[in-house]
């Protein structure tokens, strides 16, 4: 059976989990019977852990709209036997030495799958989508209620999230695929950042593919636990945050990638999760008195974010990118039929 490689969060993550439903809509069922095929689609997965020699040996590897930026490139890179049909953006293309392979994130292919998107005549909701690592022990649902905004948890199954987005007139999002899918559905969106762990490389990679800028609005922590977590990332781990890179040049972002040498958000967040549950519970209880103040502050910040200018890629740019992805899709279909 064809293997679709993507990061599988144990609690679910919308952008990554789209792979399970999107490719089955786009590719013939016979393609999934090929047990010598590996397909990399949505996600920052051009990394050693996903493309090791052990995983790819004896397989035909196709890369379609994937990105780099959150970990070391595969040790086998460049591999002339792998077919790079498209990558997420110009930063990834430059990093992997494949100029001209950048089109955009393959989640834009949702534009070709109307069966996955409920058709709504009215779109009234304002939605907030945090990054999936910003949900645990947060008070974002409560902050959203105070601000009159719909909270959308990226841990939910893709069909539920697509259903919720189909009701939206505006999406405030820390989750990159909240922005990508909103843009694909032609819903205006506003980028925000709740955590110092958010990696600008992948955001800038995608936004530049769509001829847009990435300048997220910074939101304060919504709970005492979030404040402690952010303190740990900034101070206790004694590492520079990514926030100063939002206005960086391509050269600076590429240089930062090499300097970080594969440091990624998943590892940083999982270090916190590996904290003994009893200790984590004690810390959580001790900082709960801060939650009310933090929630009010974050609700006020959300309300201000909603009032800021929204983003939406130019219609002609969007149509051009989808057209190029569609051309690459035909190449993939033909290759899988052989």
C-alpha atoms as a PDB file:
ATOM      1  CA  UNK A   1       0.000   0.000   0.000  1.00  0.00           C
ATOM      2  CA  UNK A   2       1.287   3.491  -0.843  1.00  0.00           C
ATOM      3  CA  UNK A   3       2.666   5.211   2.232  1.00  0.00           C
ATOM      4  CA  UNK A   4       1.729   8.848   2.812  1.00  0.00           C
ATOM      5  CA  UNK A   5       4.278  10.326   5.209  1.00  0.00           C
ATOM      6  CA  UNK A   6       3.334  13.169   7.511  1.00  0.00           C
ATOM      7  CA  UNK A   7       3.785  14.134  11.144  1.00  0.00           C
ATOM      8  CA  UNK A   8       1.190  12.296  13.203  1.00  0.00           C
ATOM      9  CA  UNK A   9       0.468  14.086  16.449  1.00  0.00           C
ATOM     10  CA  UNK A  10      -0.904  11.697  19.071  1.00  0.00           C
ATOM     11  CA  UNK A  11      -3.612  14.270  19.781  1.00  0.00           C
ATOM     12  CA  UNK A  12      -4.232  15.242  16.151  1.00  0.00           C
ATOM     13  CA  UNK A  13      -3.207  18.310  14.170  1.00  0.00           C
ATOM     14  CA  UNK A  14      -5.353  19.769  11.394  1.00  0.00           C
ATOM     15  CA  UNK A  15      -2.697  20.635   8.802  1.00  0.00           C
ATOM     16  CA  UNK A  16      -0.901  17.311   8.990  1.00  0.00           C
ATOM     17  CA  UNK A  17      -4.092  15.265   9.221  1.00  0.00           C
ATOM     18  CA  UNK A  18      -5.402  16.802   5.984  1.00  0.00           C
ATOM     19  CA  UNK A  19      -3.097  14.369   4.189  1.00  0.00           C
ATOM     20  CA  UNK A  20      -5.364  11.462   5.074  1.00  0.00           C
ATOM     21  CA  UNK A  21      -8.414  12.936   3.362  1.00  0.00           C
ATOM     22  CA  UNK A  22      -6.961  15.152   0.633  1.00  0.00           C
ATOM     23  CA  UNK A  23      -4.918  12.633  -1.339  1.00  0.00           C
ATOM     24  CA  UNK A  24      -7.736  10.087  -1.371  1.00  0.00           C
ATOM     25  CA  UNK A  25      -9.867  12.700  -3.093  1.00  0.00           C
ATOM     26  CA  UNK A  26      -7.191  13.638  -5.618  1.00  0.00           C
ATOM     27  CA  UNK A  27      -5.623  10.309  -6.561  1.00  0.00           C
ATOM     28  CA  UNK A  28      -7.249   7.206  -8.057  1.00  0.00           C
ATOM     29  CA  UNK A  29      -7.853   4.350  -5.620  1.00  0.00           C
ATOM     30  CA  UNK A  30      -5.504   2.148  -7.637  1.00  0.00           C
ATOM     31  CA  UNK A  31      -2.607   4.452  -6.700  1.00  0.00           C
ATOM     32  CA  UNK A  32      -2.887   3.389  -3.067  1.00  0.00           C
ATOM     33  CA  UNK A  33      -2.230  -0.228  -4.023  1.00  0.00           C
ATOM     34  CA  UNK A  34       1.409   0.576  -4.903  1.00  0.00           C
ATOM     35  CA  UNK A  35       3.517  -0.662  -2.015  1.00  0.00           C
ATOM     36  CA  UNK A  36       6.731   0.764  -3.451  1.00  0.00           C
ATOM     37  CA  UNK A  37       5.539   4.392  -3.286  1.00  0.00           C
ATOM     38  CA  UNK A  38       6.183   7.041  -0.627  1.00  0.00           C
ATOM     39  CA  UNK A  39       4.356  10.364  -0.920  1.00  0.00           C
ATOM     40  CA  UNK A  40       5.218  13.442   1.117  1.00  0.00           C
ATOM     41  CA  UNK A  41       2.561  16.133   0.950  1.00  0.00           C
ATOM     42  CA  UNK A  42       1.397  18.650   3.539  1.00  0.00           C
ATOM     43  CA  UNK A  43       3.751  19.543   6.371  1.00  0.00           C
ATOM     44  CA  UNK A  44       7.274  20.619   7.323  1.00  0.00           C
ATOM     45  CA  UNK A  45       8.527  17.090   6.726  1.00  0.00           C
ATOM     46  CA  UNK A  46      11.653  17.444   4.607  1.00  0.00           C
ATOM     47  CA  UNK A  47      13.550  16.124   7.608  1.00  0.00           C
ATOM     48  CA  UNK A  48      15.769  13.159   8.387  1.00  0.00           C
ATOM     49  CA  UNK A  49      13.220  11.504  10.665  1.00  0.00           C
ATOM     50  CA  UNK A  50      10.712  11.258   7.798  1.00  0.00           C
ATOM     51  CA  UNK A  51      13.135  10.463   4.949  1.00  0.00           C
ATOM     52  CA  UNK A  52      15.794   8.268   6.497  1.00  0.00           C
ATOM     53  CA  UNK A  53      17.497   5.570   4.459  1.00  0.00           C
ATOM     54  CA  UNK A  54      15.649   2.922   6.441  1.00  0.00           C
ATOM     55  CA  UNK A  55      12.268   4.420   5.488  1.00  0.00           C
ATOM     56  CA  UNK A  56      13.001   5.139   1.824  1.00  0.00           C
ATOM     57  CA  UNK A  57      15.166   2.205   0.783  1.00  0.00           C
ATOM     58  CA  UNK A  58      13.738   0.496  -2.292  1.00  0.00           C
ATOM     59  CA  UNK A  59      10.886   3.017  -2.573  1.00  0.00           C
ATOM     60  CA  UNK A  60       9.907   5.570  -5.182  1.00  0.00           C
ATOM     61  CA  UNK A  61       9.708   8.892  -3.312  1.00  0.00           C
ATOM     62  CA  UNK A  62       7.484  11.768  -4.474  1.00  0.00           C
ATOM     63  CA  UNK A  63       7.531  15.188  -2.781  1.00  0.00           C
ATOM     64  CA  UNK A  64       4.481  17.332  -3.407  1.00  0.00           C
ATOM     65  CA  UNK A  65       4.106  20.684  -1.651  1.00  0.00           C
ATOM     66  CA  UNK A  66       6.090  19.784   1.463  1.00  0.00           C
ATOM     67  CA  UNK A  67       8.265  22.225   3.364  1.00  0.00           C
ATOM     68  CA  UNK A  68      11.504  22.374   5.318  1.00  0.00           C
ATOM     69  CA  UNK A  69      12.511  24.523   8.252  1.00  0.00           C
ATOM     70  CA  UNK A  70      11.815  22.632  11.484  1.00  0.00           C
ATOM     71  CA  UNK A  71      14.591  20.051  11.468  1.00  0.00           C
ATOM     72  CA  UNK A  72      17.724  18.801   9.707  1.00  0.00           C
ATOM     73  CA  UNK A  73      17.418  17.862   6.050  1.00  0.00           C
ATOM     74  CA  UNK A  74      17.620  14.134   5.242  1.00  0.00           C
ATOM     75  CA  UNK A  75      21.167  12.772   5.279  1.00  0.00           C
ATOM     76  CA  UNK A  76      20.515  11.344   1.801  1.00  0.00           C
ATOM     77  CA  UNK A  77      19.771  14.798   0.381  1.00  0.00           C
ATOM     78  CA  UNK A  78      20.120  15.465  -2.491  1.00  0.00           C
ATOM     79  CA  UNK A  79      18.857  12.138  -3.800  1.00  0.00           C
ATOM     80  CA  UNK A  80      18.453  12.033  -7.599  1.00  0.00           C
ATOM     81  CA  UNK A  81      16.013   9.131  -7.314  1.00  0.00           C
ATOM     82  CA  UNK A  82      13.450  11.217  -5.437  1.00  0.00           C
ATOM     83  CA  UNK A  83      10.929  13.149  -7.527  1.00  0.00           C
ATOM     84  CA  UNK A  84      10.375  16.719  -6.327  1.00  0.00           C
ATOM     85  CA  UNK A  85       7.094  17.759  -7.935  1.00  0.00           C
ATOM     86  CA  UNK A  86       6.607  20.878  -5.817  1.00  0.00           C
ATOM     87  CA  UNK A  87       7.662  22.383  -2.500  1.00  0.00           C
ATOM     88  CA  UNK A  88       5.917  24.845  -0.213  1.00  0.00           C
ATOM     89  CA  UNK A  89       7.861  27.987  -1.035  1.00  0.00           C
ATOM     90  CA  UNK A  90      11.078  29.707  -2.135  1.00  0.00           C
ATOM     91  CA  UNK A  91      12.905  29.193   1.177  1.00  0.00           C
ATOM     92  CA  UNK A  92      12.436  25.431   0.998  1.00  0.00           C
ATOM     93  CA  UNK A  93      13.406  25.388  -2.684  1.00  0.00           C
ATOM     94  CA  UNK A  94      16.609  27.273  -1.921  1.00  0.00           C
ATOM     95  CA  UNK A  95      17.429  25.186   1.141  1.00  0.00           C
ATOM     96  CA  UNK A  96      17.154  21.891  -0.753  1.00  0.00           C
ATOM     97  CA  UNK A  97      18.895  23.212  -3.856  1.00  0.00           C
ATOM     98  CA  UNK A  98      15.857  22.925  -6.126  1.00  0.00           C
ATOM     99  CA  UNK A  99      15.242  26.433  -7.512  1.00  0.00           C
ATOM    100  CA  UNK A 100      12.013  26.645  -9.431  1.00  0.00           C
ATOM    101  CA  UNK A 101      10.358  23.790  -7.538  1.00  0.00           C
ATOM    102  CA  UNK A 102       8.457  26.186  -5.286  1.00  0.00           C
ATOM    103  CA  UNK A 103       4.764  26.530  -6.069  1.00  0.00           C
ATOM    104  CA  UNK A 104       2.931  26.633  -2.740  1.00  0.00           C
ATOM    105  CA  UNK A 105       1.681  24.359   0.030  1.00  0.00           C
ATOM    106  CA  UNK A 106      -0.241  21.385  -1.335  1.00  0.00           C
ATOM    107  CA  UNK A 107      -3.161  22.124   1.002  1.00  0.00           C
ATOM    108  CA  UNK A 108      -4.203  24.634  -1.687  1.00  0.00           C
ATOM    109  CA  UNK A 109      -5.382  21.590  -3.641  1.00  0.00           C
ATOM    110  CA  UNK A 110      -8.477  21.722  -1.442  1.00  0.00           C
ATOM    111  CA  UNK A 111      -9.663  24.144  -4.116  1.00  0.00           C
ATOM    112  CA  UNK A 112     -10.068  21.070  -6.355  1.00  0.00           C
ATOM    113  CA  UNK A 113     -12.063  19.046  -3.799  1.00  0.00           C
ATOM    114  CA  UNK A 114     -15.476  20.700  -3.366  1.00  0.00           C
ATOM    115  CA  UNK A 115     -16.843  17.515  -1.775  1.00  0.00           C
ATOM    116  CA  UNK A 116     -14.682  18.173   1.284  1.00  0.00           C
ATOM    117  CA  UNK A 117     -15.940  21.728   1.817  1.00  0.00           C
ATOM    118  CA  UNK A 118     -19.543  22.335   2.922  1.00  0.00           C
ATOM    119  CA  UNK A 119     -21.219  25.002   0.809  1.00  0.00           C
ATOM    120  CA  UNK A 120     -22.509  27.834   2.999  1.00  0.00           C
ATOM    121  CA  UNK A 121     -24.454  30.786   1.677  1.00  0.00           C
ATOM    122  CA  UNK A 122     -23.719  32.838   4.799  1.00  0.00           C
ATOM    123  CA  UNK A 123     -20.422  33.114   6.594  1.00  0.00           C
ATOM    124  CA  UNK A 124     -20.842  34.882   9.903  1.00  0.00           C
ATOM    125  CA  UNK A 125     -18.322  33.466  12.379  1.00  0.00           C
ATOM    126  CA  UNK A 126     -15.051  34.989  13.482  1.00  0.00           C
ATOM    127  CA  UNK A 127     -12.766  32.071  14.331  1.00  0.00           C
ATOM    128  CA  UNK A 128      -9.576  31.808  16.350  1.00  0.00           C
ATOM    129  CA  UNK A 129      -7.241  28.883  15.595  1.00  0.00           C
ATOM    130  CA  UNK A 130      -4.174  28.569  17.836  1.00  0.00           C
ATOM    131  CA  UNK A 131      -1.243  26.303  16.969  1.00  0.00           C
ATOM    132  CA  UNK A 132      -1.905  22.818  18.274  1.00  0.00           C
ATOM    133  CA  UNK A 133       0.893  23.209  20.845  1.00  0.00           C
ATOM    134  CA  UNK A 134      -0.791  26.353  22.230  1.00  0.00           C
ATOM    135  CA  UNK A 135      -3.968  24.577  23.344  1.00  0.00           C
ATOM    136  CA  UNK A 136      -2.950  22.425  26.312  1.00  0.00           C
ATOM    137  CA  UNK A 137      -3.616  24.126  29.665  1.00  0.00           C
ATOM    138  CA  UNK A 138      -4.474  27.370  27.912  1.00  0.00           C
ATOM    139  CA  UNK A 139      -7.520  29.540  28.544  1.00  0.00           C
ATOM    140  CA  UNK A 140      -8.044  30.405  24.881  1.00  0.00           C
ATOM    141  CA  UNK A 141     -11.603  28.963  24.806  1.00  0.00           C
ATOM    142  CA  UNK A 142     -12.553  31.250  27.702  1.00  0.00           C
ATOM    143  CA  UNK A 143     -10.755  34.226  26.129  1.00  0.00           C
ATOM    144  CA  UNK A 144     -12.645  33.637  22.888  1.00  0.00           C
ATOM    145  CA  UNK A 145     -15.972  33.636  24.730  1.00  0.00           C
ATOM    146  CA  UNK A 146     -15.094  36.959  26.353  1.00  0.00           C
ATOM    147  CA  UNK A 147     -14.117  38.403  22.968  1.00  0.00           C
ATOM    148  CA  UNK A 148     -17.189  37.016  21.169  1.00  0.00           C
ATOM    149  CA  UNK A 149     -15.049  34.804  18.921  1.00  0.00           C
ATOM    150  CA  UNK A 150     -15.434  31.110  18.024  1.00  0.00           C
ATOM    151  CA  UNK A 151     -12.585  28.962  19.339  1.00  0.00           C
ATOM    152  CA  UNK A 152     -11.483  26.231  16.923  1.00  0.00           C
ATOM    153  CA  UNK A 153      -9.231  23.511  18.320  1.00  0.00           C
ATOM    154  CA  UNK A 154      -6.755  22.240  15.712  1.00  0.00           C
ATOM    155  CA  UNK A 155      -6.771  18.835  17.422  1.00  0.00           C
ATOM    156  CA  UNK A 156     -10.239  18.183  16.016  1.00  0.00           C
ATOM    157  CA  UNK A 157     -10.679  15.930  12.949  1.00  0.00           C
ATOM    158  CA  UNK A 158     -10.172  17.662   9.581  1.00  0.00           C
ATOM    159  CA  UNK A 159     -13.802  17.253   8.481  1.00  0.00           C
ATOM    160  CA  UNK A 160     -15.020  19.069  11.613  1.00  0.00           C
ATOM    161  CA  UNK A 161     -12.553  21.912  11.133  1.00  0.00           C
ATOM    162  CA  UNK A 162     -13.421  22.297   7.450  1.00  0.00           C
ATOM    163  CA  UNK A 163     -17.086  22.409   8.433  1.00  0.00           C
ATOM    164  CA  UNK A 164     -16.374  25.140  10.985  1.00  0.00           C
ATOM    165  CA  UNK A 165     -14.258  27.145   8.525  1.00  0.00           C
ATOM    166  CA  UNK A 166     -17.055  27.016   5.970  1.00  0.00           C
ATOM    167  CA  UNK A 167     -19.075  29.212   8.382  1.00  0.00           C
ATOM    168  CA  UNK A 168     -16.299  31.771   8.885  1.00  0.00           C
ATOM    169  CA  UNK A 169     -16.065  35.316   7.567  1.00  0.00           C
ATOM    170  CA  UNK A 170     -12.710  35.920   9.279  1.00  0.00           C
ATOM    171  CA  UNK A 171     -10.052  33.610  10.737  1.00  0.00           C
ATOM    172  CA  UNK A 172      -7.514  34.747  13.315  1.00  0.00           C
ATOM    173  CA  UNK A 173      -4.860  32.059  13.295  1.00  0.00           C
ATOM    174  CA  UNK A 174      -1.591  31.002  14.834  1.00  0.00           C
ATOM    175  CA  UNK A 175      -1.844  27.677  12.978  1.00  0.00           C
ATOM    176  CA  UNK A 176      -0.252  28.086   9.558  1.00  0.00           C
ATOM    177  CA  UNK A 177      -2.693  25.710   7.904  1.00  0.00           C
ATOM    178  CA  UNK A 178      -5.509  27.721   9.411  1.00  0.00           C
ATOM    179  CA  UNK A 179      -4.221  30.537   7.207  1.00  0.00           C
ATOM    180  CA  UNK A 180      -3.496  28.333   4.175  1.00  0.00           C
ATOM    181  CA  UNK A 181      -6.919  26.687   4.185  1.00  0.00           C
ATOM    182  CA  UNK A 182      -8.681  29.985   4.892  1.00  0.00           C
ATOM    183  CA  UNK A 183      -6.845  31.535   1.957  1.00  0.00           C
ATOM    184  CA  UNK A 184      -7.823  28.562  -0.197  1.00  0.00           C
ATOM    185  CA  UNK A 185     -11.469  29.018   0.795  1.00  0.00           C
ATOM    186  CA  UNK A 186     -11.023  32.770   0.128  1.00  0.00           C
ATOM    187  CA  UNK A 187     -11.711  33.675   3.747  1.00  0.00           C
ATOM    188  CA  UNK A 188      -9.749  36.706   5.029  1.00  0.00           C
ATOM    189  CA  UNK A 189      -7.311  35.773   7.795  1.00  0.00           C
ATOM    190  CA  UNK A 190      -5.099  37.474  10.360  1.00  0.00           C
ATOM    191  CA  UNK A 191      -1.830  35.893  11.558  1.00  0.00           C
ATOM    192  CA  UNK A 192      -1.082  35.937  15.278  1.00  0.00           C
ATOM    193  CA  UNK A 193       1.591  34.414  17.482  1.00  0.00           C
ATOM    194  CA  UNK A 194       0.854  33.138  20.988  1.00  0.00           C
ATOM    195  CA  UNK A 195       4.155  31.378  21.659  1.00  0.00           C
ATOM    196  CA  UNK A 196       7.874  32.140  21.232  1.00  0.00           C
ATOM    197  CA  UNK A 197       8.180  28.655  19.693  1.00  0.00           C
ATOM    198  CA  UNK A 198       6.412  29.567  16.456  1.00  0.00           C
ATOM    199  CA  UNK A 199       8.877  29.217  13.562  1.00  0.00           C
ATOM    200  CA  UNK A 200       8.786  32.116  11.058  1.00  0.00           C
ATOM    201  CA  UNK A 201      10.718  30.113   8.429  1.00  0.00           C
ATOM    202  CA  UNK A 202       7.753  27.991   7.390  1.00  0.00           C
ATOM    203  CA  UNK A 203       5.283  30.890   7.542  1.00  0.00           C
ATOM    204  CA  UNK A 204       7.519  33.148   5.452  1.00  0.00           C
ATOM    205  CA  UNK A 205       8.171  30.262   3.069  1.00  0.00           C
ATOM    206  CA  UNK A 206       4.440  29.915   2.398  1.00  0.00           C
ATOM    207  CA  UNK A 207       3.456  33.605   2.422  1.00  0.00           C
ATOM    208  CA  UNK A 208       6.203  34.464  -0.069  1.00  0.00           C
ATOM    209  CA  UNK A 209       4.950  31.692  -2.341  1.00  0.00           C
ATOM    210  CA  UNK A 210       1.650  33.600  -2.387  1.00  0.00           C
ATOM    211  CA  UNK A 211       3.330  37.036  -2.718  1.00  0.00           C
ATOM    212  CA  UNK A 212       2.329  38.125   0.793  1.00  0.00           C
ATOM    213  CA  UNK A 213       4.188  39.236   3.924  1.00  0.00           C
ATOM    214  CA  UNK A 214       4.186  37.590   7.345  1.00  0.00           C
ATOM    215  CA  UNK A 215       3.870  40.043  10.232  1.00  0.00           C
ATOM    216  CA  UNK A 216       1.965  38.303  13.022  1.00  0.00           C
ATOM    217  CA  UNK A 217       0.267  40.123  15.867  1.00  0.00           C
ATOM    218  CA  UNK A 218       1.749  39.015  19.190  1.00  0.00           C
ATOM    219  CA  UNK A 219      -0.791  37.801  21.749  1.00  0.00           C
ATOM    220  CA  UNK A 220      -0.088  37.490  25.490  1.00  0.00           C
ATOM    221  CA  UNK A 221      -0.371  34.127  27.294  1.00  0.00           C
ATOM    222  CA  UNK A 222      -3.966  33.193  28.084  1.00  0.00           C
ATOM    223  CA  UNK A 223      -3.175  31.337  31.322  1.00  0.00           C
ATOM    224  CA  UNK A 224      -0.620  31.112  34.097  1.00  0.00           C
ATOM    225  CA  UNK A 225       0.597  27.809  32.672  1.00  0.00           C
ATOM    226  CA  UNK A 226       1.243  29.374  29.275  1.00  0.00           C
ATOM    227  CA  UNK A 227       3.203  32.167  30.939  1.00  0.00           C
ATOM    228  CA  UNK A 228       5.396  29.591  32.708  1.00  0.00           C
ATOM    229  CA  UNK A 229       5.851  27.614  29.485  1.00  0.00           C
ATOM    230  CA  UNK A 230       6.916  30.713  27.557  1.00  0.00           C
ATOM    231  CA  UNK A 231       9.290  31.694  30.376  1.00  0.00           C
ATOM    232  CA  UNK A 232      10.867  28.240  30.163  1.00  0.00           C
ATOM    233  CA  UNK A 233      11.395  28.571  26.437  1.00  0.00           C
ATOM    234  CA  UNK A 234      12.869  32.072  26.648  1.00  0.00           C
ATOM    235  CA  UNK A 235      14.899  31.958  29.837  1.00  0.00           C
ATOM    236  CA  UNK A 236      15.392  28.505  31.297  1.00  0.00           C
ATOM    237  CA  UNK A 237      16.351  26.951  27.961  1.00  0.00           C
ATOM    238  CA  UNK A 238      18.565  29.987  27.330  1.00  0.00           C
ATOM    239  CA  UNK A 239      17.816  30.115  23.643  1.00  0.00           C
ATOM    240  CA  UNK A 240      16.823  32.881  21.333  1.00  0.00           C
ATOM    241  CA  UNK A 241      13.198  32.972  20.296  1.00  0.00           C
ATOM    242  CA  UNK A 242      12.119  33.099  16.668  1.00  0.00           C
ATOM    243  CA  UNK A 243      10.111  36.308  16.927  1.00  0.00           C
ATOM    244  CA  UNK A 244      12.890  38.614  15.774  1.00  0.00           C
ATOM    245  CA  UNK A 245      12.982  36.809  12.437  1.00  0.00           C
ATOM    246  CA  UNK A 246       9.554  37.878  11.226  1.00  0.00           C
ATOM    247  CA  UNK A 247      11.096  40.682   9.155  1.00  0.00           C
ATOM    248  CA  UNK A 248      14.247  38.751   8.227  1.00  0.00           C
ATOM    249  CA  UNK A 249      15.585  38.447   4.699  1.00  0.00           C
ATOM    250  CA  UNK A 250      15.781  35.100   2.905  1.00  0.00           C
ATOM    251  CA  UNK A 251      19.525  34.988   3.609  1.00  0.00           C
ATOM    252  CA  UNK A 252      18.956  35.549   7.325  1.00  0.00           C
ATOM    253  CA  UNK A 253      16.273  32.870   7.528  1.00  0.00           C
ATOM    254  CA  UNK A 254      18.453  30.344   5.694  1.00  0.00           C
ATOM    255  CA  UNK A 255      21.392  31.208   7.950  1.00  0.00           C
ATOM    256  CA  UNK A 256      19.189  30.834  11.024  1.00  0.00           C
ATOM    257  CA  UNK A 257      18.096  27.394   9.822  1.00  0.00           C
ATOM    258  CA  UNK A 258      21.698  26.234   9.578  1.00  0.00           C
ATOM    259  CA  UNK A 259      22.602  27.763  12.953  1.00  0.00           C
ATOM    260  CA  UNK A 260      19.722  26.009  14.665  1.00  0.00           C
ATOM    261  CA  UNK A 261      20.816  22.763  13.037  1.00  0.00           C
ATOM    262  CA  UNK A 262      17.455  21.144  13.296  1.00  0.00           C
ATOM    263  CA  UNK A 263      16.091  22.539  16.571  1.00  0.00           C
ATOM    264  CA  UNK A 264      12.340  22.172  16.220  1.00  0.00           C
ATOM    265  CA  UNK A 265       9.104  23.132  17.909  1.00  0.00           C
ATOM    266  CA  UNK A 266       7.976  19.555  18.428  1.00  0.00           C
ATOM    267  CA  UNK A 267      11.047  18.717  20.521  1.00  0.00           C
ATOM    268  CA  UNK A 268      10.782  21.901  22.543  1.00  0.00           C
ATOM    269  CA  UNK A 269       7.138  21.317  23.379  1.00  0.00           C
ATOM    270  CA  UNK A 270       7.588  17.607  24.055  1.00  0.00           C
ATOM    271  CA  UNK A 271      10.239  18.418  26.671  1.00  0.00           C
ATOM    272  CA  UNK A 272       7.493  20.178  28.606  1.00  0.00           C
ATOM    273  CA  UNK A 273       5.117  17.280  28.107  1.00  0.00           C
ATOM    274  CA  UNK A 274       7.731  14.846  29.462  1.00  0.00           C
ATOM    275  CA  UNK A 275       7.666  16.668  32.782  1.00  0.00           C
ATOM    276  CA  UNK A 276       6.362  14.219  35.454  1.00  0.00           C
ATOM    277  CA  UNK A 277       2.573  14.481  35.540  1.00  0.00           C
ATOM    278  CA  UNK A 278       2.471  15.102  39.298  1.00  0.00           C
ATOM    279  CA  UNK A 279       4.967  17.979  39.053  1.00  0.00           C
ATOM    280  CA  UNK A 280       3.107  19.383  36.069  1.00  0.00           C
ATOM    281  CA  UNK A 281      -0.153  19.216  38.020  1.00  0.00           C
ATOM    282  CA  UNK A 282       1.402  20.999  41.006  1.00  0.00           C
ATOM    283  CA  UNK A 283       2.760  23.798  38.806  1.00  0.00           C
ATOM    284  CA  UNK A 284      -0.553  24.078  37.000  1.00  0.00           C
ATOM    285  CA  UNK A 285      -2.460  24.415  40.280  1.00  0.00           C
ATOM    286  CA  UNK A 286      -0.008  26.971  41.643  1.00  0.00           C
ATOM    287  CA  UNK A 287      -0.367  29.326  38.673  1.00  0.00           C
ATOM    288  CA  UNK A 288      -4.144  29.001  38.240  1.00  0.00           C
ATOM    289  CA  UNK A 289      -4.787  32.233  40.214  1.00  0.00           C
ATOM    290  CA  UNK A 290      -3.133  34.053  37.300  1.00  0.00           C
ATOM    291  CA  UNK A 291      -5.597  32.610  34.800  1.00  0.00           C
ATOM    292  CA  UNK A 292      -8.362  35.181  35.241  1.00  0.00           C
ATOM    293  CA  UNK A 293      -6.076  38.151  34.627  1.00  0.00           C
ATOM    294  CA  UNK A 294      -4.319  36.383  31.737  1.00  0.00           C
ATOM    295  CA  UNK A 295      -7.631  35.434  30.131  1.00  0.00           C
ATOM    296  CA  UNK A 296      -8.951  38.989  30.246  1.00  0.00           C
ATOM    297  CA  UNK A 297      -5.727  40.348  28.757  1.00  0.00           C
ATOM    298  CA  UNK A 298      -5.711  37.775  25.978  1.00  0.00           C
ATOM    299  CA  UNK A 299      -9.407  38.409  25.205  1.00  0.00           C
ATOM    300  CA  UNK A 300      -8.681  42.122  24.864  1.00  0.00           C
ATOM    301  CA  UNK A 301      -5.704  41.348  22.611  1.00  0.00           C
ATOM    302  CA  UNK A 302      -7.853  39.064  20.463  1.00  0.00           C
ATOM    303  CA  UNK A 303     -10.468  41.790  20.068  1.00  0.00           C
ATOM    304  CA  UNK A 304      -7.768  44.222  18.932  1.00  0.00           C
ATOM    305  CA  UNK A 305      -6.403  41.624  16.501  1.00  0.00           C
ATOM    306  CA  UNK A 306      -9.828  41.157  14.929  1.00  0.00           C
ATOM    307  CA  UNK A 307      -9.964  44.891  14.222  1.00  0.00           C
ATOM    308  CA  UNK A 308      -6.619  44.853  12.380  1.00  0.00           C
ATOM    309  CA  UNK A 309      -6.260  44.560   8.591  1.00  0.00           C
ATOM    310  CA  UNK A 310      -6.898  41.062   7.252  1.00  0.00           C
ATOM    311  CA  UNK A 311      -4.912  39.150   4.636  1.00  0.00           C
ATOM    312  CA  UNK A 312      -6.003  37.365   1.476  1.00  0.00           C
ATOM    313  CA  UNK A 313      -3.826  36.444  -1.478  1.00  0.00           C
ATOM    314  CA  UNK A 314      -4.546  38.086  -4.820  1.00  0.00           C
ATOM    315  CA  UNK A 315      -7.141  36.120  -6.806  1.00  0.00           C
ATOM    316  CA  UNK A 316      -4.908  35.844  -9.863  1.00  0.00           C
ATOM    317  CA  UNK A 317      -1.907  34.704  -7.797  1.00  0.00           C
ATOM    318  CA  UNK A 318      -4.037  32.097  -6.059  1.00  0.00           C
ATOM    319  CA  UNK A 319      -5.469  30.817  -9.345  1.00  0.00           C
ATOM    320  CA  UNK A 320      -1.968  30.633 -10.834  1.00  0.00           C
ATOM    321  CA  UNK A 321      -0.629  28.554  -7.920  1.00  0.00           C
ATOM    322  CA  UNK A 322      -3.565  26.144  -8.002  1.00  0.00           C
ATOM    323  CA  UNK A 323      -3.171  25.756 -11.758  1.00  0.00           C
ATOM    324  CA  UNK A 324       0.519  24.875 -11.360  1.00  0.00           C
ATOM    325  CA  UNK A 325      -0.300  22.404  -8.577  1.00  0.00           C
ATOM    326  CA  UNK A 326      -2.920  20.829 -10.813  1.00  0.00           C
ATOM    327  CA  UNK A 327      -0.332  20.370 -13.558  1.00  0.00           C
ATOM    328  CA  UNK A 328       2.017  18.704 -11.081  1.00  0.00           C
ATOM    329  CA  UNK A 329      -0.859  16.539  -9.865  1.00  0.00           C
ATOM    330  CA  UNK A 330      -1.298  15.146 -13.363  1.00  0.00           C
ATOM    331  CA  UNK A 331       2.394  14.286 -13.457  1.00  0.00           C
ATOM    332  CA  UNK A 332       1.992  12.433 -10.152  1.00  0.00           C
ATOM    333  CA  UNK A 333      -1.078  10.560 -11.361  1.00  0.00           C
ATOM    334  CA  UNK A 334       0.747   9.452 -14.498  1.00  0.00           C
ATOM    335  CA  UNK A 335       3.779   8.334 -12.503  1.00  0.00           C
ATOM    336  CA  UNK A 336       1.650   6.313 -10.093  1.00  0.00           C
ATOM    337  CA  UNK A 337      -0.113   4.561 -12.959  1.00  0.00           C
ATOM    338  CA  UNK A 338       3.148   3.006 -14.147  1.00  0.00           C
END
